[in-house]
Amino acid sequence: MTYQGLLIGLGTFLIIGVFHPIVIKAQYYFGTGCWWVFLLAGIAAVAGSLFVGNLLASALLGVTGFSCFWSILEVFQQEKRVERGWFPRNPKRVKK
């Protein structure tokens, strides 16, 4: 019996769950200007997944990379949520 599929599923669930507050905090402190950090992290994770020999690690790196890519969209969506008043605006950050 192999548990890799179960571990990949659990890892995916946890990675997505971790990225939700990361996106909220990134937008709060840095605004939408931090999108390029998610892009670089995503490229690094996806590239890393190509060179890792372990299937579980490679899959989780791939999930992390594409979660980073998805976070780029979410940072801009989070900005809209803040404008609607659904999330607090950072009073120390001046809107451009």
N, C-alpha and C. Protein backbone atom coordinates (compact mmCIF):
# COMPACT_ATOMS: atom_id res chain seq x y z
N MET A 1 0.85 -1.17 0.00
CA MET A 1 0.00 0.00 0.00
C MET A 1 0.90 1.24 0.00
N THR A 2 0.51 2.22 -0.80
CA THR A 2 1.29 3.45 -0.88
C THR A 2 0.45 4.63 -0.36
N TYR A 3 1.11 5.51 0.31
CA TYR A 3 0.44 6.67 0.90
C TYR A 3 0.78 7.97 0.18
N GLN A 4 1.50 7.88 -0.92
CA GLN A 4 1.93 9.11 -1.60
C GLN A 4 0.76 9.96 -2.08
N GLY A 5 -0.24 9.35 -2.63
CA GLY A 5 -1.41 10.11 -3.09
C GLY A 5 -2.11 10.83 -1.94
N LEU A 6 -2.24 10.14 -0.83
CA LEU A 6 -2.86 10.73 0.35
C LEU A 6 -2.00 11.90 0.87
N LEU A 7 -0.69 11.71 0.90
CA LEU A 7 0.20 12.77 1.37
C LEU A 7 0.22 13.97 0.42
N ILE A 8 0.15 13.71 -0.88
CA ILE A 8 0.08 14.81 -1.85
C ILE A 8 -1.22 15.59 -1.66
N GLY A 9 -2.32 14.89 -1.45
CA GLY A 9 -3.59 15.55 -1.21
C GLY A 9 -3.57 16.39 0.06
N LEU A 10 -3.05 15.83 1.12
CA LEU A 10 -2.95 16.55 2.39
C LEU A 10 -2.01 17.75 2.25
N GLY A 11 -0.88 17.54 1.59
CA GLY A 11 0.07 18.63 1.38
C GLY A 11 -0.54 19.76 0.56
N THR A 12 -1.29 19.41 -0.47
CA THR A 12 -1.96 20.40 -1.31
C THR A 12 -2.95 21.22 -0.49
N PHE A 13 -3.73 20.53 0.32
CA PHE A 13 -4.69 21.19 1.18
C PHE A 13 -4.00 22.18 2.13
N LEU A 14 -2.91 21.75 2.74
CA LEU A 14 -2.18 22.60 3.67
C LEU A 14 -1.52 23.78 2.96
N ILE A 15 -0.94 23.55 1.79
CA ILE A 15 -0.29 24.63 1.04
C ILE A 15 -1.30 25.69 0.65
N ILE A 16 -2.44 25.29 0.14
CA ILE A 16 -3.47 26.25 -0.23
C ILE A 16 -3.95 27.00 1.01
N GLY A 17 -4.11 26.29 2.11
CA GLY A 17 -4.53 26.92 3.35
C GLY A 17 -3.53 27.93 3.88
N VAL A 18 -2.25 27.67 3.68
CA VAL A 18 -1.21 28.59 4.14
C VAL A 18 -1.15 29.83 3.25
N PHE A 19 -1.40 29.66 1.97
CA PHE A 19 -1.31 30.79 1.04
C PHE A 19 -2.42 31.82 1.25
N HIS A 20 -3.56 31.40 1.78
CA HIS A 20 -4.65 32.35 2.00
C HIS A 20 -4.23 33.50 2.92
N PRO A 21 -3.72 33.23 4.12
CA PRO A 21 -3.29 34.36 4.97
C PRO A 21 -2.04 35.07 4.44
N ILE A 22 -1.19 34.36 3.70
CA ILE A 22 -0.01 35.01 3.13
C ILE A 22 -0.44 36.10 2.15
N VAL A 23 -1.41 35.80 1.31
CA VAL A 23 -1.90 36.78 0.34
C VAL A 23 -2.52 37.98 1.07
N ILE A 24 -3.30 37.72 2.10
CA ILE A 24 -3.94 38.81 2.85
C ILE A 24 -2.89 39.70 3.48
N LYS A 25 -1.90 39.11 4.13
CA LYS A 25 -0.85 39.89 4.78
C LYS A 25 0.02 40.63 3.76
N ALA A 26 0.34 39.97 2.66
CA ALA A 26 1.17 40.61 1.63
C ALA A 26 0.47 41.83 1.07
N GLN A 27 -0.81 41.72 0.79
CA GLN A 27 -1.55 42.86 0.27
C GLN A 27 -1.67 43.95 1.32
N TYR A 28 -1.87 43.59 2.58
CA TYR A 28 -2.01 44.57 3.65
C TYR A 28 -0.73 45.39 3.81
N TYR A 29 0.42 44.71 3.83
CA TYR A 29 1.68 45.40 4.10
C TYR A 29 2.34 45.99 2.85
N PHE A 30 2.15 45.36 1.70
CA PHE A 30 2.88 45.78 0.50
C PHE A 30 2.00 46.20 -0.66
N GLY A 31 0.70 45.98 -0.58
CA GLY A 31 -0.19 46.30 -1.68
C GLY A 31 -0.02 45.32 -2.83
N THR A 32 -0.45 45.72 -4.00
CA THR A 32 -0.36 44.84 -5.16
C THR A 32 1.03 44.82 -5.76
N GLY A 33 1.91 45.68 -5.28
CA GLY A 33 3.27 45.74 -5.81
C GLY A 33 4.12 44.53 -5.49
N CYS A 34 3.61 43.64 -4.65
CA CYS A 34 4.39 42.46 -4.27
C CYS A 34 4.13 41.27 -5.19
N TRP A 35 3.38 41.46 -6.26
CA TRP A 35 3.02 40.34 -7.13
C TRP A 35 4.24 39.65 -7.72
N TRP A 36 5.30 40.41 -7.99
CA TRP A 36 6.49 39.85 -8.61
C TRP A 36 7.20 38.88 -7.67
N VAL A 37 7.05 39.03 -6.37
CA VAL A 37 7.65 38.09 -5.42
C VAL A 37 6.98 36.72 -5.58
N PHE A 38 5.66 36.72 -5.73
CA PHE A 38 4.95 35.46 -5.96
C PHE A 38 5.36 34.85 -7.30
N LEU A 39 5.59 35.69 -8.31
CA LEU A 39 6.03 35.18 -9.61
C LEU A 39 7.39 34.50 -9.50
N LEU A 40 8.34 35.17 -8.87
CA LEU A 40 9.68 34.58 -8.74
C LEU A 40 9.67 33.32 -7.89
N ALA A 41 8.92 33.34 -6.80
CA ALA A 41 8.82 32.15 -5.95
C ALA A 41 8.16 31.00 -6.70
N GLY A 42 7.15 31.31 -7.51
CA GLY A 42 6.48 30.28 -8.30
C GLY A 42 7.39 29.68 -9.34
N ILE A 43 8.15 30.52 -10.02
CA ILE A 43 9.10 30.01 -11.02
C ILE A 43 10.15 29.13 -10.35
N ALA A 44 10.66 29.57 -9.20
CA ALA A 44 11.67 28.79 -8.49
C ALA A 44 11.12 27.44 -8.03
N ALA A 45 9.90 27.44 -7.51
CA ALA A 45 9.31 26.19 -7.04
C ALA A 45 9.02 25.23 -8.19
N VAL A 46 8.49 25.75 -9.28
CA VAL A 46 8.19 24.88 -10.44
C VAL A 46 9.49 24.35 -11.03
N ALA A 47 10.50 25.21 -11.14
CA ALA A 47 11.79 24.74 -11.65
C ALA A 47 12.38 23.69 -10.72
N GLY A 48 12.27 23.93 -9.42
CA GLY A 48 12.76 22.95 -8.46
C GLY A 48 12.05 21.62 -8.58
N SER A 49 10.75 21.66 -8.87
CA SER A 49 10.00 20.41 -8.99
C SER A 49 10.48 19.56 -10.16
N LEU A 50 11.09 20.21 -11.15
CA LEU A 50 11.60 19.47 -12.31
C LEU A 50 12.90 18.72 -11.99
N PHE A 51 13.61 19.18 -10.98
CA PHE A 51 14.93 18.61 -10.69
C PHE A 51 14.96 17.73 -9.46
N VAL A 52 13.86 17.65 -8.72
CA VAL A 52 13.81 16.81 -7.53
C VAL A 52 13.43 15.39 -7.95
N GLY A 53 14.19 14.43 -7.47
CA GLY A 53 13.94 13.05 -7.86
C GLY A 53 12.79 12.38 -7.12
N ASN A 54 12.46 12.87 -5.95
CA ASN A 54 11.41 12.28 -5.13
C ASN A 54 10.04 12.74 -5.64
N LEU A 55 9.15 11.80 -5.90
CA LEU A 55 7.83 12.13 -6.45
C LEU A 55 7.03 13.02 -5.51
N LEU A 56 7.01 12.70 -4.24
CA LEU A 56 6.24 13.48 -3.27
C LEU A 56 6.75 14.92 -3.19
N ALA A 57 8.06 15.09 -3.06
CA ALA A 57 8.64 16.43 -2.98
C ALA A 57 8.41 17.20 -4.28
N SER A 58 8.56 16.54 -5.41
CA SER A 58 8.35 17.18 -6.70
C SER A 58 6.90 17.65 -6.85
N ALA A 59 5.97 16.81 -6.46
CA ALA A 59 4.55 17.18 -6.56
C ALA A 59 4.24 18.36 -5.65
N LEU A 60 4.76 18.34 -4.43
CA LEU A 60 4.48 19.43 -3.50
C LEU A 60 5.15 20.73 -3.93
N LEU A 61 6.32 20.64 -4.53
CA LEU A 61 6.95 21.84 -5.09
C LEU A 61 6.12 22.39 -6.25
N GLY A 62 5.61 21.51 -7.09
CA GLY A 62 4.74 21.95 -8.19
C GLY A 62 3.48 22.62 -7.68
N VAL A 63 2.86 22.04 -6.67
CA VAL A 63 1.66 22.64 -6.08
C VAL A 63 1.99 24.00 -5.47
N THR A 64 3.12 24.09 -4.79
CA THR A 64 3.54 25.36 -4.20
C THR A 64 3.78 26.41 -5.30
N GLY A 65 4.44 26.01 -6.38
CA GLY A 65 4.70 26.93 -7.47
C GLY A 65 3.43 27.47 -8.09
N PHE A 66 2.49 26.59 -8.37
CA PHE A 66 1.25 27.05 -8.99
C PHE A 66 0.36 27.79 -8.01
N SER A 67 0.50 27.51 -6.72
CA SER A 67 -0.19 28.31 -5.71
C SER A 67 0.37 29.72 -5.68
N CYS A 68 1.67 29.85 -5.89
CA CYS A 68 2.29 31.18 -5.99
C CYS A 68 1.73 31.93 -7.20
N PHE A 69 1.63 31.24 -8.32
CA PHE A 69 1.08 31.87 -9.53
C PHE A 69 -0.37 32.32 -9.28
N TRP A 70 -1.15 31.49 -8.64
CA TRP A 70 -2.54 31.82 -8.34
C TRP A 70 -2.61 33.01 -7.39
N SER A 71 -1.62 33.12 -6.49
CA SER A 71 -1.60 34.21 -5.53
C SER A 71 -1.43 35.57 -6.18
N ILE A 72 -0.82 35.59 -7.36
CA ILE A 72 -0.70 36.86 -8.08
C ILE A 72 -2.09 37.42 -8.37
N LEU A 73 -2.96 36.59 -8.89
CA LEU A 73 -4.35 37.00 -9.13
C LEU A 73 -5.03 37.37 -7.82
N GLU A 74 -4.81 36.57 -6.79
CA GLU A 74 -5.48 36.81 -5.52
C GLU A 74 -5.05 38.11 -4.84
N VAL A 75 -3.81 38.54 -5.03
CA VAL A 75 -3.37 39.82 -4.46
C VAL A 75 -4.19 40.96 -5.06
N PHE A 76 -4.42 40.91 -6.35
CA PHE A 76 -5.22 41.96 -6.99
C PHE A 76 -6.70 41.85 -6.59
N GLN A 77 -7.18 40.63 -6.43
CA GLN A 77 -8.55 40.45 -5.96
C GLN A 77 -8.69 40.93 -4.51
N GLN A 78 -7.66 40.70 -3.70
CA GLN A 78 -7.68 41.15 -2.32
C GLN A 78 -7.76 42.67 -2.24
N GLU A 79 -7.08 43.34 -3.14
CA GLU A 79 -7.15 44.81 -3.20
C GLU A 79 -8.59 45.26 -3.41
N LYS A 80 -9.31 44.56 -4.27
CA LYS A 80 -10.72 44.89 -4.51
C LYS A 80 -11.56 44.62 -3.27
N ARG A 81 -11.25 43.54 -2.55
CA ARG A 81 -11.99 43.22 -1.33
C ARG A 81 -11.77 44.30 -0.27
N VAL A 82 -10.56 44.82 -0.21
CA VAL A 82 -10.26 45.90 0.73
C VAL A 82 -11.05 47.15 0.34
N GLU A 83 -11.10 47.46 -0.94
CA GLU A 83 -11.85 48.63 -1.40
C GLU A 83 -13.33 48.51 -1.09
N ARG A 84 -13.85 47.30 -1.10
CA ARG A 84 -15.27 47.07 -0.77
C ARG A 84 -15.52 47.11 0.74
N GLY A 85 -14.44 47.12 1.52
CA GLY A 85 -14.58 47.16 2.96
C GLY A 85 -14.67 45.80 3.62
N TRP A 86 -14.40 44.74 2.88
CA TRP A 86 -14.48 43.39 3.43
C TRP A 86 -13.27 43.06 4.31
N PHE A 87 -12.15 43.73 4.04
CA PHE A 87 -10.92 43.54 4.81
C PHE A 87 -10.39 44.91 5.19
N PRO A 88 -9.64 45.01 6.29
CA PRO A 88 -9.14 46.32 6.71
C PRO A 88 -8.04 46.85 5.79
N ARG A 89 -8.02 48.17 5.65
CA ARG A 89 -6.97 48.84 4.89
C ARG A 89 -5.84 49.18 5.85
N ASN A 90 -4.62 49.07 5.38
CA ASN A 90 -3.45 49.42 6.20
C ASN A 90 -3.36 50.95 6.25
N PRO A 91 -3.56 51.55 7.42
CA PRO A 91 -3.53 53.01 7.49
C PRO A 91 -2.14 53.60 7.30
N LYS A 92 -1.10 52.80 7.46
CA LYS A 92 0.27 53.29 7.30
C LYS A 92 0.73 53.30 5.86
N ARG A 93 0.01 52.60 4.99
CA ARG A 93 0.38 52.53 3.58
C ARG A 93 -0.48 53.51 2.80
N VAL A 94 0.17 54.40 2.08
CA VAL A 94 -0.53 55.41 1.30
C VAL A 94 -0.95 54.79 -0.03
N LYS A 95 -2.23 54.93 -0.36
CA LYS A 95 -2.72 54.40 -1.64
C LYS A 95 -2.26 55.31 -2.77
N LYS A 96 -1.75 54.68 -3.84
CA LYS A 96 -1.25 55.45 -4.99
C LYS A 96 -2.33 55.70 -5.99
